[in-house]
Amino acid sequence: MTPHPRFETYANQKVSIGGQKICFSTNGIAVTPERPTLVLVHGAGGSKLDWPQSWRSVAEATAPFGLPSSTAVLPGQGGQALHAHPVIAIDLPGHGGSGGLSLPDITGHSRAVTGFLQAL
């Protein structure tokens, strides 16, 4: 089965921070001040693929594959469904589709996430 073109658009984007390419995917919902944006950061040795496909993909793109948009609810958000918010899943440096080497500590990873968000 050929992937939906919009799924391809949002699945493996890259941004450069400090000379390294950081790979990420998004669910395609625009970031605005009115909605919280969720940034999914995987654990050591993981990648953005650790997160459920329906969280990190465009609902209309995953539907043909039998993957519904998430019905998860944001904590403290009055029952707002997750699929109503922008979701960004990143591959930390040296993980998944991102370049460079894995960083030695949490401080380095937090700086990478901060740099990634600033680059966006």
PDB file of N, CA and C in Angstrom:
ATOM      1  N   MET A   1       0.848  -1.179   0.000  1.00  0.00           N
ATOM      2  CA  MET A   1       0.000   0.000   0.000  1.00  0.00           C
ATOM      3  C   MET A   1       0.893   1.242   0.000  1.00  0.00           C
ATOM      4  N   THR A   2       0.606   2.175  -0.852  1.00  0.00           N
ATOM      5  CA  THR A   2       1.368   3.416  -0.939  1.00  0.00           C
ATOM      6  C   THR A   2       0.931   4.377   0.162  1.00  0.00           C
ATOM      7  N   PRO A   3       1.899   4.959   0.905  1.00  0.00           N
ATOM      8  CA  PRO A   3       1.520   5.914   1.959  1.00  0.00           C
ATOM      9  C   PRO A   3       0.775   7.120   1.386  1.00  0.00           C
ATOM     10  N   HIS A   4      -0.147   7.622   2.156  1.00  0.00           N
ATOM     11  CA  HIS A   4      -0.885   8.832   1.802  1.00  0.00           C
ATOM     12  C   HIS A   4       0.128   9.965   1.657  1.00  0.00           C
ATOM     13  N   PRO A   5       0.040  10.810   0.592  1.00  0.00           N
ATOM     14  CA  PRO A   5       1.037  11.862   0.387  1.00  0.00           C
ATOM     15  C   PRO A   5       1.168  12.814   1.574  1.00  0.00           C
ATOM     16  N   ARG A   6       0.067  13.111   2.253  1.00  0.00           N
ATOM     17  CA  ARG A   6       0.155  14.026   3.390  1.00  0.00           C
ATOM     18  C   ARG A   6       0.899  13.374   4.552  1.00  0.00           C
ATOM     19  N   PHE A   7       0.737  12.058   4.709  1.00  0.00           N
ATOM     20  CA  PHE A   7       1.467  11.334   5.738  1.00  0.00           C
ATOM     21  C   PHE A   7       2.964  11.473   5.487  1.00  0.00           C
ATOM     22  N   GLU A   8       3.377  11.328   4.247  1.00  0.00           N
ATOM     23  CA  GLU A   8       4.792  11.472   3.896  1.00  0.00           C
ATOM     24  C   GLU A   8       5.293  12.880   4.230  1.00  0.00           C
ATOM     25  N   THR A   9       4.465  13.889   3.995  1.00  0.00           N
ATOM     26  CA  THR A   9       4.850  15.277   4.244  1.00  0.00           C
ATOM     27  C   THR A   9       5.196  15.516   5.703  1.00  0.00           C
ATOM     28  N   TYR A  10       4.445  14.912   6.612  1.00  0.00           N
ATOM     29  CA  TYR A  10       4.622  15.186   8.030  1.00  0.00           C
ATOM     30  C   TYR A  10       5.469  14.158   8.765  1.00  0.00           C
ATOM     31  N   ALA A  11       5.806  13.044   8.118  1.00  0.00           N
ATOM     32  CA  ALA A  11       6.448  11.929   8.819  1.00  0.00           C
ATOM     33  C   ALA A  11       7.931  12.132   9.121  1.00  0.00           C
ATOM     34  N   ASN A  12       8.707  12.650   8.223  1.00  0.00           N
ATOM     35  CA  ASN A  12      10.155  12.733   8.419  1.00  0.00           C
ATOM     36  C   ASN A  12      10.715  14.088   8.020  1.00  0.00           C
ATOM     37  N   GLN A  13      10.343  15.097   8.755  1.00  0.00           N
ATOM     38  CA  GLN A  13      10.867  16.423   8.513  1.00  0.00           C
ATOM     39  C   GLN A  13      12.197  16.562   9.252  1.00  0.00           C
ATOM     40  N   LYS A  14      13.006  17.521   8.840  1.00  0.00           N
ATOM     41  CA  LYS A  14      14.281  17.752   9.518  1.00  0.00           C
ATOM     42  C   LYS A  14      14.518  19.241   9.688  1.00  0.00           C
ATOM     43  N   VAL A  15      15.174  19.566  10.792  1.00  0.00           N
ATOM     44  CA  VAL A  15      15.587  20.932  11.061  1.00  0.00           C
ATOM     45  C   VAL A  15      17.037  20.848  11.531  1.00  0.00           C
ATOM     46  N   SER A  16      17.820  21.865  11.223  1.00  0.00           N
ATOM     47  CA  SER A  16      19.232  21.859  11.596  1.00  0.00           C
ATOM     48  C   SER A  16      19.450  22.704  12.852  1.00  0.00           C
ATOM     49  N   ILE A  17      20.108  22.104  13.840  1.00  0.00           N
ATOM     50  CA  ILE A  17      20.520  22.856  15.035  1.00  0.00           C
ATOM     51  C   ILE A  17      21.982  22.542  15.300  1.00  0.00           C
ATOM     52  N   GLY A  18      22.769  23.572  15.421  1.00  0.00           N
ATOM     53  CA  GLY A  18      24.194  23.391  15.690  1.00  0.00           C
ATOM     54  C   GLY A  18      24.884  22.495  14.683  1.00  0.00           C
ATOM     55  N   GLY A  19      24.467  22.552  13.420  1.00  0.00           N
ATOM     56  CA  GLY A  19      25.087  21.747  12.385  1.00  0.00           C
ATOM     57  C   GLY A  19      24.593  20.308  12.332  1.00  0.00           C
ATOM     58  N   GLN A  20      23.658  19.939  13.192  1.00  0.00           N
ATOM     59  CA  GLN A  20      23.102  18.584  13.184  1.00  0.00           C
ATOM     60  C   GLN A  20      21.669  18.619  12.678  1.00  0.00           C
ATOM     61  N   LYS A  21      21.327  17.615  11.896  1.00  0.00           N
ATOM     62  CA  LYS A  21      19.951  17.480  11.427  1.00  0.00           C
ATOM     63  C   LYS A  21      19.153  16.721  12.473  1.00  0.00           C
ATOM     64  N   ILE A  22      18.047  17.320  12.923  1.00  0.00           N
ATOM     65  CA  ILE A  22      17.149  16.696  13.879  1.00  0.00           C
ATOM     66  C   ILE A  22      15.873  16.305  13.122  1.00  0.00           C
ATOM     67  N   CYS A  23      15.554  15.019  13.167  1.00  0.00           N
ATOM     68  CA  CYS A  23      14.383  14.488  12.478  1.00  0.00           C
ATOM     69  C   CYS A  23      13.169  14.575  13.410  1.00  0.00           C
ATOM     70  N   PHE A  24      12.014  14.891  12.838  1.00  0.00           N
ATOM     71  CA  PHE A  24      10.793  14.951  13.635  1.00  0.00           C
ATOM     72  C   PHE A  24       9.579  14.670  12.758  1.00  0.00           C
ATOM     73  N   SER A  25       8.486  14.370  13.398  1.00  0.00           N
ATOM     74  CA  SER A  25       7.214  14.235  12.697  1.00  0.00           C
ATOM     75  C   SER A  25       6.178  15.064  13.444  1.00  0.00           C
ATOM     76  N   THR A  26       5.123  15.387  12.749  1.00  0.00           N
ATOM     77  CA  THR A  26       4.062  16.202  13.333  1.00  0.00           C
ATOM     78  C   THR A  26       2.718  15.666  12.874  1.00  0.00           C
ATOM     79  N   ASN A  27       1.688  15.954  13.636  1.00  0.00           N
ATOM     80  CA  ASN A  27       0.347  15.521  13.234  1.00  0.00           C
ATOM     81  C   ASN A  27      -0.294  16.505  12.256  1.00  0.00           C
ATOM     82  N   GLY A  28       0.410  17.562  11.883  1.00  0.00           N
ATOM     83  CA  GLY A  28      -0.089  18.475  10.861  1.00  0.00           C
ATOM     84  C   GLY A  28      -1.001  19.575  11.355  1.00  0.00           C
ATOM     85  N   ILE A  29      -1.273  19.611  12.658  1.00  0.00           N
ATOM     86  CA  ILE A  29      -2.121  20.662  13.210  1.00  0.00           C
ATOM     87  C   ILE A  29      -1.237  21.874  13.503  1.00  0.00           C
ATOM     88  N   ALA A  30      -1.660  23.030  13.036  1.00  0.00           N
ATOM     89  CA  ALA A  30      -0.860  24.247  13.173  1.00  0.00           C
ATOM     90  C   ALA A  30      -0.677  24.645  14.637  1.00  0.00           C
ATOM     91  N   VAL A  31       0.519  25.106  14.946  1.00  0.00           N
ATOM     92  CA  VAL A  31       0.821  25.617  16.290  1.00  0.00           C
ATOM     93  C   VAL A  31       0.245  27.025  16.395  1.00  0.00           C
ATOM     94  N   THR A  32      -0.572  27.256  17.426  1.00  0.00           N
ATOM     95  CA  THR A  32      -1.148  28.573  17.684  1.00  0.00           C
ATOM     96  C   THR A  32      -1.110  28.831  19.190  1.00  0.00           C
ATOM     97  N   PRO A  33      -1.180  30.102  19.602  1.00  0.00           N
ATOM     98  CA  PRO A  33      -1.185  30.408  21.038  1.00  0.00           C
ATOM     99  C   PRO A  33      -2.423  29.869  21.766  1.00  0.00           C
ATOM    100  N   GLU A  34      -3.497  29.586  21.042  1.00  0.00           N
ATOM    101  CA  GLU A  34      -4.735  29.143  21.668  1.00  0.00           C
ATOM    102  C   GLU A  34      -4.717  27.684  22.112  1.00  0.00           C
ATOM    103  N   ARG A  35      -3.800  26.892  21.563  1.00  0.00           N
ATOM    104  CA  ARG A  35      -3.778  25.466  21.863  1.00  0.00           C
ATOM    105  C   ARG A  35      -2.419  25.062  22.420  1.00  0.00           C
ATOM    106  N   PRO A  36      -2.405  24.217  23.443  1.00  0.00           N
ATOM    107  CA  PRO A  36      -1.117  23.686  23.891  1.00  0.00           C
ATOM    108  C   PRO A  36      -0.513  22.810  22.793  1.00  0.00           C
ATOM    109  N   THR A  37       0.793  22.879  22.650  1.00  0.00           N
ATOM    110  CA  THR A  37       1.510  22.012  21.727  1.00  0.00           C
ATOM    111  C   THR A  37       2.205  20.937  22.546  1.00  0.00           C
ATOM    112  N   LEU A  38       2.063  19.697  22.133  1.00  0.00           N
ATOM    113  CA  LEU A  38       2.721  18.590  22.815  1.00  0.00           C
ATOM    114  C   LEU A  38       3.983  18.225  22.061  1.00  0.00           C
ATOM    115  N   VAL A  39       5.093  18.128  22.775  1.00  0.00           N
ATOM    116  CA  VAL A  39       6.358  17.699  22.185  1.00  0.00           C
ATOM    117  C   VAL A  39       6.689  16.350  22.811  1.00  0.00           C
ATOM    118  N   LEU A  40       6.733  15.321  21.983  1.00  0.00           N
ATOM    119  CA  LEU A  40       7.009  13.969  22.445  1.00  0.00           C
ATOM    120  C   LEU A  40       8.505  13.703  22.351  1.00  0.00           C
ATOM    121  N   VAL A  41       9.127  13.424  23.485  1.00  0.00           N
ATOM    122  CA  VAL A  41      10.566  13.157  23.547  1.00  0.00           C
ATOM    123  C   VAL A  41      10.744  11.721  24.042  1.00  0.00           C
ATOM    124  N   HIS A  42      11.406  10.915  23.262  1.00  0.00           N
ATOM    125  CA  HIS A  42      11.612   9.508  23.604  1.00  0.00           C
ATOM    126  C   HIS A  42      12.693   9.339  24.669  1.00  0.00           C
ATOM    127  N   GLY A  43      12.798   8.138  25.195  1.00  0.00           N
ATOM    128  CA  GLY A  43      13.814   7.811  26.194  1.00  0.00           C
ATOM    129  C   GLY A  43      15.126   7.379  25.547  1.00  0.00           C
ATOM    130  N   ALA A  44      16.093   7.042  26.384  1.00  0.00           N
ATOM    131  CA  ALA A  44      17.421   6.621  25.917  1.00  0.00           C
ATOM    132  C   ALA A  44      17.303   5.421  24.978  1.00  0.00           C
ATOM    133  N   GLY A  45      17.987   5.522  23.854  1.00  0.00           N
ATOM    134  CA  GLY A  45      17.999   4.433  22.886  1.00  0.00           C
ATOM    135  C   GLY A  45      16.756   4.342  22.032  1.00  0.00           C
ATOM    136  N   GLY A  46      15.805   5.252  22.202  1.00  0.00           N
ATOM    137  CA  GLY A  46      14.545   5.194  21.463  1.00  0.00           C
ATOM    138  C   GLY A  46      14.537   6.092  20.242  1.00  0.00           C
ATOM    139  N   SER A  47      13.342   6.372  19.764  1.00  0.00           N
ATOM    140  CA  SER A  47      13.137   7.284  18.638  1.00  0.00           C
ATOM    141  C   SER A  47      11.695   7.766  18.673  1.00  0.00           C
ATOM    142  N   LYS A  48      11.361   8.658  17.746  1.00  0.00           N
ATOM    143  CA  LYS A  48       9.987   9.158  17.678  1.00  0.00           C
ATOM    144  C   LYS A  48       8.998   8.037  17.402  1.00  0.00           C
ATOM    145  N   LEU A  49       9.483   6.926  16.858  1.00  0.00           N
ATOM    146  CA  LEU A  49       8.607   5.792  16.563  1.00  0.00           C
ATOM    147  C   LEU A  49       8.124   5.081  17.820  1.00  0.00           C
ATOM    148  N   ASP A  50       8.691   5.425  18.991  1.00  0.00           N
ATOM    149  CA  ASP A  50       8.220   4.856  20.253  1.00  0.00           C
ATOM    150  C   ASP A  50       6.816   5.337  20.595  1.00  0.00           C
ATOM    151  N   TRP A  51       6.408   6.463  20.020  1.00  0.00           N
ATOM    152  CA  TRP A  51       5.086   7.031  20.314  1.00  0.00           C
ATOM    153  C   TRP A  51       4.062   6.441  19.357  1.00  0.00           C
ATOM    154  N   PRO A  52       2.818   6.285  19.794  1.00  0.00           N
ATOM    155  CA  PRO A  52       1.789   5.706  18.910  1.00  0.00           C
ATOM    156  C   PRO A  52       1.635   6.496  17.609  1.00  0.00           C
ATOM    157  N   GLN A  53       1.495   5.774  16.519  1.00  0.00           N
ATOM    158  CA  GLN A  53       1.344   6.371  15.193  1.00  0.00           C
ATOM    159  C   GLN A  53       0.213   7.393  15.164  1.00  0.00           C
ATOM    160  N   SER A  54      -0.894   7.092  15.809  1.00  0.00           N
ATOM    161  CA  SER A  54      -2.045   7.999  15.740  1.00  0.00           C
ATOM    162  C   SER A  54      -1.799   9.303  16.475  1.00  0.00           C
ATOM    163  N   TRP A  55      -0.807   9.356  17.370  1.00  0.00           N
ATOM    164  CA  TRP A  55      -0.488  10.605  18.068  1.00  0.00           C
ATOM    165  C   TRP A  55       0.361  11.518  17.207  1.00  0.00           C
ATOM    166  N   ARG A  56       1.205  10.935  16.377  1.00  0.00           N
ATOM    167  CA  ARG A  56       2.214  11.730  15.673  1.00  0.00           C
ATOM    168  C   ARG A  56       1.952  11.835  14.174  1.00  0.00           C
ATOM    169  N   SER A  57       0.747  11.528  13.750  1.00  0.00           N
ATOM    170  CA  SER A  57       0.412  11.563  12.335  1.00  0.00           C
ATOM    171  C   SER A  57      -0.898  12.293  12.104  1.00  0.00           C
ATOM    172  N   VAL A  58      -1.092  12.731  10.890  1.00  0.00           N
ATOM    173  CA  VAL A  58      -2.313  13.416  10.503  1.00  0.00           C
ATOM    174  C   VAL A  58      -3.442  12.391  10.450  1.00  0.00           C
ATOM    175  N   ALA A  59      -4.524  12.644  11.169  1.00  0.00           N
ATOM    176  CA  ALA A  59      -5.624  11.685  11.264  1.00  0.00           C
ATOM    177  C   ALA A  59      -6.142  11.262   9.894  1.00  0.00           C
ATOM    178  N   GLU A  60      -6.300  12.222   8.979  1.00  0.00           N
ATOM    179  CA  GLU A  60      -6.842  11.864   7.666  1.00  0.00           C
ATOM    180  C   GLU A  60      -5.851  11.028   6.864  1.00  0.00           C
ATOM    181  N   ALA A  61      -4.577  11.097   7.225  1.00  0.00           N
ATOM    182  CA  ALA A  61      -3.582  10.290   6.530  1.00  0.00           C
ATOM    183  C   ALA A  61      -3.502   8.883   7.103  1.00  0.00           C
ATOM    184  N   THR A  62      -3.730   8.738   8.403  1.00  0.00           N
ATOM    185  CA  THR A  62      -3.625   7.414   9.014  1.00  0.00           C
ATOM    186  C   THR A  62      -4.922   6.620   8.910  1.00  0.00           C
ATOM    187  N   ALA A  63      -6.043   7.272   8.688  1.00  0.00           N
ATOM    188  CA  ALA A  63      -7.328   6.577   8.604  1.00  0.00           C
ATOM    189  C   ALA A  63      -7.331   5.459   7.552  1.00  0.00           C
ATOM    190  N   PRO A  64      -6.737   5.676   6.346  1.00  0.00           N
ATOM    191  CA  PRO A  64      -6.730   4.591   5.358  1.00  0.00           C
ATOM    192  C   PRO A  64      -5.981   3.341   5.840  1.00  0.00           C
ATOM    193  N   PHE A  65      -5.129   3.493   6.840  1.00  0.00           N
ATOM    194  CA  PHE A  65      -4.374   2.365   7.370  1.00  0.00           C
ATOM    195  C   PHE A  65      -5.076   1.748   8.579  1.00  0.00           C
ATOM    196  N   GLY A  66      -6.281   2.225   8.893  1.00  0.00           N
ATOM    197  CA  GLY A  66      -7.020   1.706  10.035  1.00  0.00           C
ATOM    198  C   GLY A  66      -6.550   2.266  11.359  1.00  0.00           C
ATOM    199  N   LEU A  67      -5.839   3.387  11.336  1.00  0.00           N
ATOM    200  CA  LEU A  67      -5.327   4.008  12.556  1.00  0.00           C
ATOM    201  C   LEU A  67      -6.152   5.257  12.854  1.00  0.00           C
ATOM    202  N   PRO A  68      -7.024   5.210  13.834  1.00  0.00           N
ATOM    203  CA  PRO A  68      -7.854   6.379  14.152  1.00  0.00           C
ATOM    204  C   PRO A  68      -7.041   7.474  14.818  1.00  0.00           C
ATOM    205  N   SER A  69      -7.548   8.693  14.809  1.00  0.00           N
ATOM    206  CA  SER A  69      -6.901   9.750  15.573  1.00  0.00           C
ATOM    207  C   SER A  69      -7.062   9.411  17.040  1.00  0.00           C
ATOM    208  N   SER A  70      -6.133   9.860  17.844  1.00  0.00           N
ATOM    209  CA  SER A  70      -6.128   9.477  19.247  1.00  0.00           C
ATOM    210  C   SER A  70      -7.347  10.012  19.985  1.00  0.00           C
ATOM    211  N   THR A  71      -7.881   9.177  20.844  1.00  0.00           N
ATOM    212  CA  THR A  71      -8.970   9.606  21.712  1.00  0.00           C
ATOM    213  C   THR A  71      -8.440   9.918  23.103  1.00  0.00           C
ATOM    214  N   ALA A  72      -7.110   9.928  23.241  1.00  0.00           N
ATOM    215  CA  ALA A  72      -6.515  10.268  24.533  1.00  0.00           C
ATOM    216  C   ALA A  72      -6.927  11.679  24.923  1.00  0.00           C
ATOM    217  N   VAL A  73      -7.019  11.924  26.202  1.00  0.00           N
ATOM    218  CA  VAL A  73      -7.430  13.230  26.704  1.00  0.00           C
ATOM    219  C   VAL A  73      -6.257  13.862  27.438  1.00  0.00           C
ATOM    220  N   LEU A  74      -6.054  15.154  27.206  1.00  0.00           N
ATOM    221  CA  LEU A  74      -4.977  15.872  27.880  1.00  0.00           C
ATOM    222  C   LEU A  74      -5.297  16.067  29.354  1.00  0.00           C
ATOM    223  N   PRO A  75      -4.351  15.759  30.231  1.00  0.00           N
ATOM    224  CA  PRO A  75      -4.600  15.983  31.656  1.00  0.00           C
ATOM    225  C   PRO A  75      -4.831  17.459  31.945  1.00  0.00           C
ATOM    226  N   GLY A  76      -5.824  17.756  32.759  1.00  0.00           N
ATOM    227  CA  GLY A  76      -6.076  19.133  33.175  1.00  0.00           C
ATOM    228  C   GLY A  76      -6.600  20.039  32.082  1.00  0.00           C
ATOM    229  N   GLN A  77      -7.019  19.490  30.967  1.00  0.00           N
ATOM    230  CA  GLN A  77      -7.475  20.325  29.858  1.00  0.00           C
ATOM    231  C   GLN A  77      -8.978  20.248  29.650  1.00  0.00           C
ATOM    232  N   GLY A  78      -9.713  19.799  30.646  1.00  0.00           N
ATOM    233  CA  GLY A  78     -11.169  19.783  30.533  1.00  0.00           C
ATOM    234  C   GLY A  78     -11.699  18.836  29.485  1.00  0.00           C
ATOM    235  N   GLY A  79     -10.979  17.729  29.268  1.00  0.00           N
ATOM    236  CA  GLY A  79     -11.463  16.717  28.342  1.00  0.00           C
ATOM    237  C   GLY A  79     -11.165  16.980  26.883  1.00  0.00           C
ATOM    238  N   GLN A  80     -10.236  17.891  26.567  1.00  0.00           N
ATOM    239  CA  GLN A  80      -9.895  18.152  25.178  1.00  0.00           C
ATOM    240  C   GLN A  80      -9.147  16.948  24.610  1.00  0.00           C
ATOM    241  N   ALA A  81      -9.590  16.461  23.477  1.00  0.00           N
ATOM    242  CA  ALA A  81      -8.953  15.301  22.856  1.00  0.00           C
ATOM    243  C   ALA A  81      -7.587  15.679  22.297  1.00  0.00           C
ATOM    244  N   LEU A  82      -6.695  14.733  22.350  1.00  0.00           N
ATOM    245  CA  LEU A  82      -5.328  14.942  21.876  1.00  0.00           C
ATOM    246  C   LEU A  82      -5.277  15.346  20.409  1.00  0.00           C
ATOM    247  N   HIS A  83      -6.164  14.797  19.572  1.00  0.00           N
ATOM    248  CA  HIS A  83      -6.108  15.079  18.141  1.00  0.00           C
ATOM    249  C   HIS A  83      -6.487  16.523  17.808  1.00  0.00           C
ATOM    250  N   ALA A  84      -6.897  17.310  18.788  1.00  0.00           N
ATOM    251  CA  ALA A  84      -7.234  18.713  18.553  1.00  0.00           C
ATOM    252  C   ALA A  84      -6.037  19.631  18.784  1.00  0.00           C
ATOM    253  N   HIS A  85      -4.874  19.066  19.088  1.00  0.00           N
ATOM    254  CA  HIS A  85      -3.693  19.850  19.425  1.00  0.00           C
ATOM    255  C   HIS A  85      -2.508  19.486  18.543  1.00  0.00           C
ATOM    256  N   PRO A  86      -1.608  20.455  18.311  1.00  0.00           N
ATOM    257  CA  PRO A  86      -0.388  20.129  17.577  1.00  0.00           C
ATOM    258  C   PRO A  86       0.465  19.158  18.390  1.00  0.00           C
ATOM    259  N   VAL A  87       0.985  18.139  17.712  1.00  0.00           N
ATOM    260  CA  VAL A  87       1.867  17.170  18.350  1.00  0.00           C
ATOM    261  C   VAL A  87       3.126  17.064  17.494  1.00  0.00           C
ATOM    262  N   ILE A  88       4.278  17.186  18.147  1.00  0.00           N
ATOM    263  CA  ILE A  88       5.572  17.067  17.472  1.00  0.00           C
ATOM    264  C   ILE A  88       6.350  15.971  18.187  1.00  0.00           C
ATOM    265  N   ALA A  89       6.815  14.982  17.441  1.00  0.00           N
ATOM    266  CA  ALA A  89       7.649  13.910  17.997  1.00  0.00           C
ATOM    267  C   ALA A  89       9.040  14.038  17.386  1.00  0.00           C
ATOM    268  N   ILE A  90      10.058  14.130  18.237  1.00  0.00           N
ATOM    269  CA  ILE A  90      11.418  14.328  17.719  1.00  0.00           C
ATOM    270  C   ILE A  90      12.284  13.091  17.949  1.00  0.00           C
ATOM    271  N   ASP A  91      13.326  12.986  17.127  1.00  0.00           N
ATOM    272  CA  ASP A  91      14.407  12.032  17.349  1.00  0.00           C
ATOM    273  C   ASP A  91      15.561  12.843  17.923  1.00  0.00           C
ATOM    274  N   LEU A  92      15.964  12.516  19.138  1.00  0.00           N
ATOM    275  CA  LEU A  92      17.104  13.210  19.748  1.00  0.00           C
ATOM    276  C   LEU A  92      18.364  12.965  18.915  1.00  0.00           C
ATOM    277  N   PRO A  93      19.403  13.811  19.056  1.00  0.00           N
ATOM    278  CA  PRO A  93      20.635  13.599  18.302  1.00  0.00           C
ATOM    279  C   PRO A  93      21.168  12.171  18.484  1.00  0.00           C
ATOM    280  N   GLY A  94      21.588  11.574  17.354  1.00  0.00           N
ATOM    281  CA  GLY A  94      22.134  10.227  17.388  1.00  0.00           C
ATOM    282  C   GLY A  94      21.087   9.134  17.518  1.00  0.00           C
ATOM    283  N   HIS A  95      19.816   9.473  17.367  1.00  0.00           N
ATOM    284  CA  HIS A  95      18.718   8.513  17.486  1.00  0.00           C
ATOM    285  C   HIS A  95      17.839   8.594  16.248  1.00  0.00           C
ATOM    286  N   GLY A  96      17.210   7.471  15.885  1.00  0.00           N
ATOM    287  CA  GLY A  96      16.266   7.460  14.765  1.00  0.00           C
ATOM    288  C   GLY A  96      16.863   8.080  13.514  1.00  0.00           C
ATOM    289  N   GLY A  97      16.165   9.045  12.941  1.00  0.00           N
ATOM    290  CA  GLY A  97      16.614   9.692  11.718  1.00  0.00           C
ATOM    291  C   GLY A  97      17.490  10.915  11.925  1.00  0.00           C
ATOM    292  N   SER A  98      17.828  11.232  13.183  1.00  0.00           N
ATOM    293  CA  SER A  98      18.652  12.416  13.463  1.00  0.00           C
ATOM    294  C   SER A  98      20.129  12.103  13.339  1.00  0.00           C
ATOM    295  N   GLY A  99      20.888  13.116  12.939  1.00  0.00           N
ATOM    296  CA  GLY A  99      22.330  12.959  12.798  1.00  0.00           C
ATOM    297  C   GLY A  99      23.067  13.144  14.111  1.00  0.00           C
ATOM    298  N   GLY A 100      24.366  13.043  14.027  1.00  0.00           N
ATOM    299  CA  GLY A 100      25.222  13.267  15.183  1.00  0.00           C
ATOM    300  C   GLY A 100      25.299  12.060  16.098  1.00  0.00           C
ATOM    301  N   LEU A 101      25.894  12.298  17.240  1.00  0.00           N
ATOM    302  CA  LEU A 101      26.059  11.267  18.254  1.00  0.00           C
ATOM    303  C   LEU A 101      25.075  11.492  19.381  1.00  0.00           C
ATOM    304  N   SER A 102      24.715  10.418  20.053  1.00  0.00           N
ATOM    305  CA  SER A 102      23.866  10.539  21.235  1.00  0.00           C
ATOM    306  C   SER A 102      24.602  11.374  22.275  1.00  0.00           C
ATOM    307  N   LEU A 103      23.876  12.193  22.986  1.00  0.00           N
ATOM    308  CA  LEU A 103      24.482  13.073  23.980  1.00  0.00           C
ATOM    309  C   LEU A 103      24.672  12.320  25.294  1.00  0.00           C
ATOM    310  N   PRO A 104      25.695  12.706  26.077  1.00  0.00           N
ATOM    311  CA  PRO A 104      26.053  11.914  27.257  1.00  0.00           C
ATOM    312  C   PRO A 104      25.156  12.084  28.478  1.00  0.00           C
ATOM    313  N   ASP A 105      24.313  13.122  28.499  1.00  0.00           N
ATOM    314  CA  ASP A 105      23.523  13.335  29.713  1.00  0.00           C
ATOM    315  C   ASP A 105      22.221  14.069  29.418  1.00  0.00           C
ATOM    316  N   ILE A 106      21.370  14.142  30.436  1.00  0.00           N
ATOM    317  CA  ILE A 106      20.055  14.790  30.311  1.00  0.00           C
ATOM    318  C   ILE A 106      20.207  16.268  29.966  1.00  0.00           C
ATOM    319  N   THR A 107      21.206  16.927  30.526  1.00  0.00           N
ATOM    320  CA  THR A 107      21.417  18.347  30.242  1.00  0.00           C
ATOM    321  C   THR A 107      21.652  18.565  28.748  1.00  0.00           C
ATOM    322  N   GLY A 108      22.473  17.731  28.144  1.00  0.00           N
ATOM    323  CA  GLY A 108      22.722  17.838  26.708  1.00  0.00           C
ATOM    324  C   GLY A 108      21.463  17.614  25.894  1.00  0.00           C
ATOM    325  N   HIS A 109      20.670  16.619  26.298  1.00  0.00           N
ATOM    326  CA  HIS A 109      19.420  16.351  25.582  1.00  0.00           C
ATOM    327  C   HIS A 109      18.430  17.500  25.758  1.00  0.00           C
ATOM    328  N   SER A 110      18.374  18.073  26.953  1.00  0.00           N
ATOM    329  CA  SER A 110      17.438  19.191  27.155  1.00  0.00           C
ATOM    330  C   SER A 110      17.859  20.399  26.325  1.00  0.00           C
ATOM    331  N   ARG A 111      19.152  20.610  26.187  1.00  0.00           N
ATOM    332  CA  ARG A 111      19.634  21.708  25.318  1.00  0.00           C
ATOM    333  C   ARG A 111      19.274  21.440  23.862  1.00  0.00           C
ATOM    334  N   ALA A 112      19.372  20.192  23.457  1.00  0.00           N
ATOM    335  CA  ALA A 112      19.009  19.831  22.072  1.00  0.00           C
ATOM    336  C   ALA A 112      17.520  20.079  21.832  1.00  0.00           C
ATOM    337  N   VAL A 113      16.676  19.702  22.787  1.00  0.00           N
ATOM    338  CA  VAL A 113      15.229  19.935  22.634  1.00  0.00           C
ATOM    339  C   VAL A 113      14.948  21.435  22.603  1.00  0.00           C
ATOM    340  N   THR A 114      15.598  22.201  23.463  1.00  0.00           N
ATOM    341  CA  THR A 114      15.413  23.653  23.461  1.00  0.00           C
ATOM    342  C   THR A 114      15.848  24.250  22.133  1.00  0.00           C
ATOM    343  N   GLY A 115      17.006  23.830  21.620  1.00  0.00           N
ATOM    344  CA  GLY A 115      17.483  24.314  20.327  1.00  0.00           C
ATOM    345  C   GLY A 115      16.529  23.947  19.201  1.00  0.00           C
ATOM    346  N   PHE A 116      16.000  22.737  19.264  1.00  0.00           N
ATOM    347  CA  PHE A 116      15.027  22.278  18.261  1.00  0.00           C
ATOM    348  C   PHE A 116      13.796  23.184  18.263  1.00  0.00           C
ATOM    349  N   LEU A 117      13.252  23.440  19.454  1.00  0.00           N
ATOM    350  CA  LEU A 117      12.054  24.289  19.553  1.00  0.00           C
ATOM    351  C   LEU A 117      12.334  25.713  19.071  1.00  0.00           C
ATOM    352  N   GLN A 118      13.504  26.227  19.390  1.00  0.00           N
ATOM    353  CA  GLN A 118      13.864  27.571  18.924  1.00  0.00           C
ATOM    354  C   GLN A 118      14.000  27.581  17.397  1.00  0.00           C
ATOM    355  N   ALA A 119      14.535  26.521  16.824  1.00  0.00           N
ATOM    356  CA  ALA A 119      14.699  26.448  15.371  1.00  0.00           C
ATOM    357  C   ALA A 119      13.352  26.398  14.652  1.00  0.00           C
ATOM    358  N   LEU A 120      12.384  25.773  15.291  1.00  0.00           N
ATOM    359  CA  LEU A 120      11.044  25.739  14.671  1.00  0.00           C
ATOM    360  C   LEU A 120      10.390  27.102  14.726  1.00  0.00           C
TER     361      LEU A 120
END
